[in-house]
Amino acid sequence: MPGQPRNSRPSEESTNSRIQRQVMQLIIDRRLRAGALLPTEAELMEDLGVSRNSVREALKALQALDIVEIRHGYGTYVGQASLTPLIDGLTFRTLARHDHDDSGALAEILQVREVLEEGLIRRVAATVTEGELDRLESVVSRMEAA
């Protein structure tokens, strides 16, 4: 149509991203754990002031990230928030590289791993118990022996 942008996708994407962030913030604010039931689509529509389609699209995107789990006929639940989608994406990216620079792809994966481990170790160190440290030491000893 004349006078309208050829592609309205960026505003749709920013709306979708905003709704995703709001749903994630709701999970954090309510301290919902994996498996907890989320508000219904109708409640999310009202709380967020968006359409049913917008809520559904945002929830589908969050499902792909394992942040929510949609159980048709039962509701939407907090997902496991595992790193599986990240791992799958990195694996695909590595396999799909057209420049065949395997060392570069491997270096990128190792860099992501290092960043994740450095961030997580600070959190773990602050909360780890003596019993957990003992079990961890046992696992490391078995790994070294193998």
C-alpha atoms as a PDB file:
ATOM      1  CA  MET A   1       0.000   0.000   0.000  1.00  0.00           C
ATOM      2  CA  PRO A   2       1.270   3.469  -0.788  1.00  0.00           C
ATOM      3  CA  GLY A   3       2.446   5.490   2.192  1.00  0.00           C
ATOM      4  CA  GLN A   4       2.926   2.444   4.412  1.00  0.00           C
ATOM      5  CA  PRO A   5       6.243   0.822   5.144  1.00  0.00           C
ATOM      6  CA  ARG A   6       6.951  -2.146   2.903  1.00  0.00           C
ATOM      7  CA  ASN A   7       7.817  -4.315   5.852  1.00  0.00           C
ATOM      8  CA  SER A   8       6.147  -3.920   9.243  1.00  0.00           C
ATOM      9  CA  ARG A   9       8.120  -6.845  10.623  1.00  0.00           C
ATOM     10  CA  PRO A  10      10.476  -4.812  12.885  1.00  0.00           C
ATOM     11  CA  SER A  11       7.592  -3.396  14.960  1.00  0.00           C
ATOM     12  CA  GLU A  12       5.999  -6.856  15.181  1.00  0.00           C
ATOM     13  CA  GLU A  13       9.326  -8.294  16.315  1.00  0.00           C
ATOM     14  CA  SER A  14       9.810  -5.590  18.925  1.00  0.00           C
ATOM     15  CA  THR A  15       6.262  -6.168  20.226  1.00  0.00           C
ATOM     16  CA  ASN A  16       6.927  -9.905  20.362  1.00  0.00           C
ATOM     17  CA  SER A  17      10.240  -9.321  22.161  1.00  0.00           C
ATOM     18  CA  ARG A  18       8.567  -6.963  24.625  1.00  0.00           C
ATOM     19  CA  ILE A  19       5.865  -9.519  25.430  1.00  0.00           C
ATOM     20  CA  GLN A  20       8.479 -12.250  25.833  1.00  0.00           C
ATOM     21  CA  ARG A  21      10.424 -10.070  28.269  1.00  0.00           C
ATOM     22  CA  GLN A  22       7.233  -9.287  30.197  1.00  0.00           C
ATOM     23  CA  VAL A  23       6.329 -12.976  30.518  1.00  0.00           C
ATOM     24  CA  MET A  24       9.869 -13.789  31.669  1.00  0.00           C
ATOM     25  CA  GLN A  25       9.686 -10.933  34.194  1.00  0.00           C
ATOM     26  CA  LEU A  26       6.355 -12.279  35.443  1.00  0.00           C
ATOM     27  CA  ILE A  27       8.000 -15.671  36.039  1.00  0.00           C
ATOM     28  CA  ILE A  28      10.862 -13.999  37.915  1.00  0.00           C
ATOM     29  CA  ASP A  29       8.645 -11.607  39.909  1.00  0.00           C
ATOM     30  CA  ARG A  30       6.328 -14.407  41.012  1.00  0.00           C
ATOM     31  CA  ARG A  31       9.293 -16.696  41.677  1.00  0.00           C
ATOM     32  CA  LEU A  32       7.701 -19.453  39.642  1.00  0.00           C
ATOM     33  CA  ARG A  33       9.640 -22.698  39.427  1.00  0.00           C
ATOM     34  CA  ALA A  34       9.814 -25.153  36.551  1.00  0.00           C
ATOM     35  CA  GLY A  35       6.431 -26.846  36.166  1.00  0.00           C
ATOM     36  CA  ALA A  36       4.433 -23.991  37.711  1.00  0.00           C
ATOM     37  CA  LEU A  37       1.256 -23.001  35.889  1.00  0.00           C
ATOM     38  CA  LEU A  38       1.346 -19.612  34.157  1.00  0.00           C
ATOM     39  CA  PRO A  39      -1.666 -17.302  33.857  1.00  0.00           C
ATOM     40  CA  THR A  40      -4.092 -18.136  31.063  1.00  0.00           C
ATOM     41  CA  GLU A  41      -3.860 -16.489  27.645  1.00  0.00           C
ATOM     42  CA  ALA A  42      -6.840 -14.320  28.574  1.00  0.00           C
ATOM     43  CA  GLU A  43      -5.145 -13.179  31.788  1.00  0.00           C
ATOM     44  CA  LEU A  44      -1.902 -12.431  29.951  1.00  0.00           C
ATOM     45  CA  MET A  45      -3.829 -10.500  27.289  1.00  0.00           C
ATOM     46  CA  GLU A  46      -5.455  -8.364  29.963  1.00  0.00           C
ATOM     47  CA  ASP A  47      -2.321  -7.915  32.105  1.00  0.00           C
ATOM     48  CA  LEU A  48      -0.100  -7.043  29.130  1.00  0.00           C
ATOM     49  CA  GLY A  49      -2.706  -5.178  27.059  1.00  0.00           C
ATOM     50  CA  VAL A  50      -2.059  -7.198  23.905  1.00  0.00           C
ATOM     51  CA  SER A  51      -3.996  -9.442  21.548  1.00  0.00           C
ATOM     52  CA  ARG A  52      -4.402 -13.211  21.848  1.00  0.00           C
ATOM     53  CA  ASN A  53      -2.291 -13.689  18.720  1.00  0.00           C
ATOM     54  CA  SER A  54       0.531 -11.597  20.224  1.00  0.00           C
ATOM     55  CA  VAL A  55       0.466 -13.644  23.424  1.00  0.00           C
ATOM     56  CA  ARG A  56       0.490 -16.911  21.461  1.00  0.00           C
ATOM     57  CA  GLU A  57       3.413 -15.833  19.274  1.00  0.00           C
ATOM     58  CA  ALA A  58       5.452 -14.747  22.291  1.00  0.00           C
ATOM     59  CA  LEU A  59       4.691 -17.988  24.125  1.00  0.00           C
ATOM     60  CA  LYS A  60       5.699 -20.047  21.077  1.00  0.00           C
ATOM     61  CA  ALA A  61       9.033 -18.215  20.966  1.00  0.00           C
ATOM     62  CA  LEU A  62       9.552 -18.793  24.696  1.00  0.00           C
ATOM     63  CA  GLN A  63       8.681 -22.453  24.226  1.00  0.00           C
ATOM     64  CA  ALA A  64      11.433 -22.744  21.613  1.00  0.00           C
ATOM     65  CA  LEU A  65      13.839 -21.439  24.266  1.00  0.00           C
ATOM     66  CA  ASP A  66      12.522 -23.942  26.862  1.00  0.00           C
ATOM     67  CA  ILE A  67      11.372 -21.069  29.071  1.00  0.00           C
ATOM     68  CA  VAL A  68       7.734 -22.148  28.921  1.00  0.00           C
ATOM     69  CA  GLU A  69       6.041 -25.418  28.105  1.00  0.00           C
ATOM     70  CA  ILE A  70       2.705 -25.318  26.293  1.00  0.00           C
ATOM     71  CA  ARG A  71       0.485 -28.304  27.066  1.00  0.00           C
ATOM     72  CA  HIS A  72      -2.476 -28.083  24.715  1.00  0.00           C
ATOM     73  CA  GLY A  73      -5.702 -28.455  26.629  1.00  0.00           C
ATOM     74  CA  TYR A  74      -3.968 -28.037  29.993  1.00  0.00           C
ATOM     75  CA  GLY A  75      -2.254 -24.648  29.978  1.00  0.00           C
ATOM     76  CA  THR A  76       1.158 -23.087  29.836  1.00  0.00           C
ATOM     77  CA  TYR A  77       3.777 -23.955  32.415  1.00  0.00           C
ATOM     78  CA  VAL A  78       7.205 -22.668  33.339  1.00  0.00           C
ATOM     79  CA  GLY A  79       9.761 -24.682  31.365  1.00  0.00           C
ATOM     80  CA  GLN A  80      13.058 -26.117  32.473  1.00  0.00           C
ATOM     81  CA  ALA A  81      15.013 -23.181  30.992  1.00  0.00           C
ATOM     82  CA  SER A  82      17.742 -25.601  29.980  1.00  0.00           C
ATOM     83  CA  LEU A  83      20.675 -24.695  27.793  1.00  0.00           C
ATOM     84  CA  THR A  84      19.561 -27.230  25.169  1.00  0.00           C
ATOM     85  CA  PRO A  85      18.286 -24.587  22.705  1.00  0.00           C
ATOM     86  CA  LEU A  86      21.598 -22.725  22.975  1.00  0.00           C
ATOM     87  CA  ILE A  87      23.570 -25.923  22.475  1.00  0.00           C
ATOM     88  CA  ASP A  88      21.401 -26.937  19.523  1.00  0.00           C
ATOM     89  CA  GLY A  89      21.858 -23.499  17.951  1.00  0.00           C
ATOM     90  CA  LEU A  90      25.621 -23.557  18.417  1.00  0.00           C
ATOM     91  CA  THR A  91      25.830 -27.090  17.033  1.00  0.00           C
ATOM     92  CA  PHE A  92      23.779 -26.150  13.984  1.00  0.00           C
ATOM     93  CA  ARG A  93      25.826 -23.006  13.436  1.00  0.00           C
ATOM     94  CA  THR A  94      29.024 -25.029  13.587  1.00  0.00           C
ATOM     95  CA  LEU A  95      27.756 -27.676  11.180  1.00  0.00           C
ATOM     96  CA  ALA A  96      26.285 -25.113   8.791  1.00  0.00           C
ATOM     97  CA  ARG A  97      29.405 -22.972   8.457  1.00  0.00           C
ATOM     98  CA  HIS A  98      30.175 -22.544   4.783  1.00  0.00           C
ATOM     99  CA  ASP A  99      33.765 -21.448   5.199  1.00  0.00           C
ATOM    100  CA  HIS A 100      34.763 -24.823   6.692  1.00  0.00           C
ATOM    101  CA  ASP A 101      36.684 -23.034   9.423  1.00  0.00           C
ATOM    102  CA  ASP A 102      36.207 -25.741  12.022  1.00  0.00           C
ATOM    103  CA  SER A 103      38.828 -24.283  14.350  1.00  0.00           C
ATOM    104  CA  GLY A 104      37.042 -20.906  14.346  1.00  0.00           C
ATOM    105  CA  ALA A 105      33.697 -22.545  15.135  1.00  0.00           C
ATOM    106  CA  LEU A 106      35.237 -24.612  17.904  1.00  0.00           C
ATOM    107  CA  ALA A 107      36.914 -21.512  19.344  1.00  0.00           C
ATOM    108  CA  GLU A 108      33.543 -19.729  19.424  1.00  0.00           C
ATOM    109  CA  ILE A 109      31.911 -22.641  21.246  1.00  0.00           C
ATOM    110  CA  LEU A 110      34.745 -22.775  23.773  1.00  0.00           C
ATOM    111  CA  GLN A 111      34.467 -19.025  24.303  1.00  0.00           C
ATOM    112  CA  VAL A 112      30.730 -19.302  25.029  1.00  0.00           C
ATOM    113  CA  ARG A 113      31.411 -22.202  27.399  1.00  0.00           C
ATOM    114  CA  GLU A 114      34.081 -20.201  29.221  1.00  0.00           C
ATOM    115  CA  VAL A 115      31.775 -17.205  29.674  1.00  0.00           C
ATOM    116  CA  LEU A 116      28.963 -19.420  30.958  1.00  0.00           C
ATOM    117  CA  GLU A 117      31.223 -21.296  33.346  1.00  0.00           C
ATOM    118  CA  GLU A 118      32.770 -18.109  34.744  1.00  0.00           C
ATOM    119  CA  GLY A 119      29.328 -16.628  35.363  1.00  0.00           C
ATOM    120  CA  LEU A 120      27.934 -19.779  36.908  1.00  0.00           C
ATOM    121  CA  ILE A 121      30.900 -20.549  39.150  1.00  0.00           C
ATOM    122  CA  ARG A 122      30.423 -17.292  41.065  1.00  0.00           C
ATOM    123  CA  ARG A 123      26.805 -18.195  41.786  1.00  0.00           C
ATOM    124  CA  VAL A 124      27.605 -21.780  42.729  1.00  0.00           C
ATOM    125  CA  ALA A 125      30.527 -20.838  44.964  1.00  0.00           C
ATOM    126  CA  ALA A 126      28.265 -18.612  47.031  1.00  0.00           C
ATOM    127  CA  THR A 127      25.732 -21.367  47.723  1.00  0.00           C
ATOM    128  CA  VAL A 128      27.551 -24.715  47.531  1.00  0.00           C
ATOM    129  CA  THR A 129      27.491 -26.920  50.630  1.00  0.00           C
ATOM    130  CA  GLU A 130      30.278 -29.093  52.030  1.00  0.00           C
ATOM    131  CA  GLY A 131      28.365 -32.216  51.017  1.00  0.00           C
ATOM    132  CA  GLU A 132      28.047 -30.987  47.447  1.00  0.00           C
ATOM    133  CA  LEU A 133      31.764 -30.170  47.356  1.00  0.00           C
ATOM    134  CA  ASP A 134      32.553 -33.683  48.560  1.00  0.00           C
ATOM    135  CA  ARG A 135      30.371 -35.218  45.840  1.00  0.00           C
ATOM    136  CA  LEU A 136      31.959 -32.956  43.234  1.00  0.00           C
ATOM    137  CA  GLU A 137      35.449 -33.951  44.376  1.00  0.00           C
ATOM    138  CA  SER A 138      34.428 -37.608  44.066  1.00  0.00           C
ATOM    139  CA  VAL A 139      33.207 -37.063  40.506  1.00  0.00           C
ATOM    140  CA  VAL A 140      36.449 -35.304  39.556  1.00  0.00           C
ATOM    141  CA  SER A 141      38.487 -38.159  41.050  1.00  0.00           C
ATOM    142  CA  ARG A 142      36.506 -40.715  39.004  1.00  0.00           C
ATOM    143  CA  MET A 143      37.020 -38.617  35.865  1.00  0.00           C
ATOM    144  CA  GLU A 144      40.761 -38.411  36.469  1.00  0.00           C
ATOM    145  CA  ALA A 145      40.924 -42.173  37.023  1.00  0.00           C
ATOM    146  CA  ALA A 146      39.041 -42.857  33.800  1.00  0.00           C
END
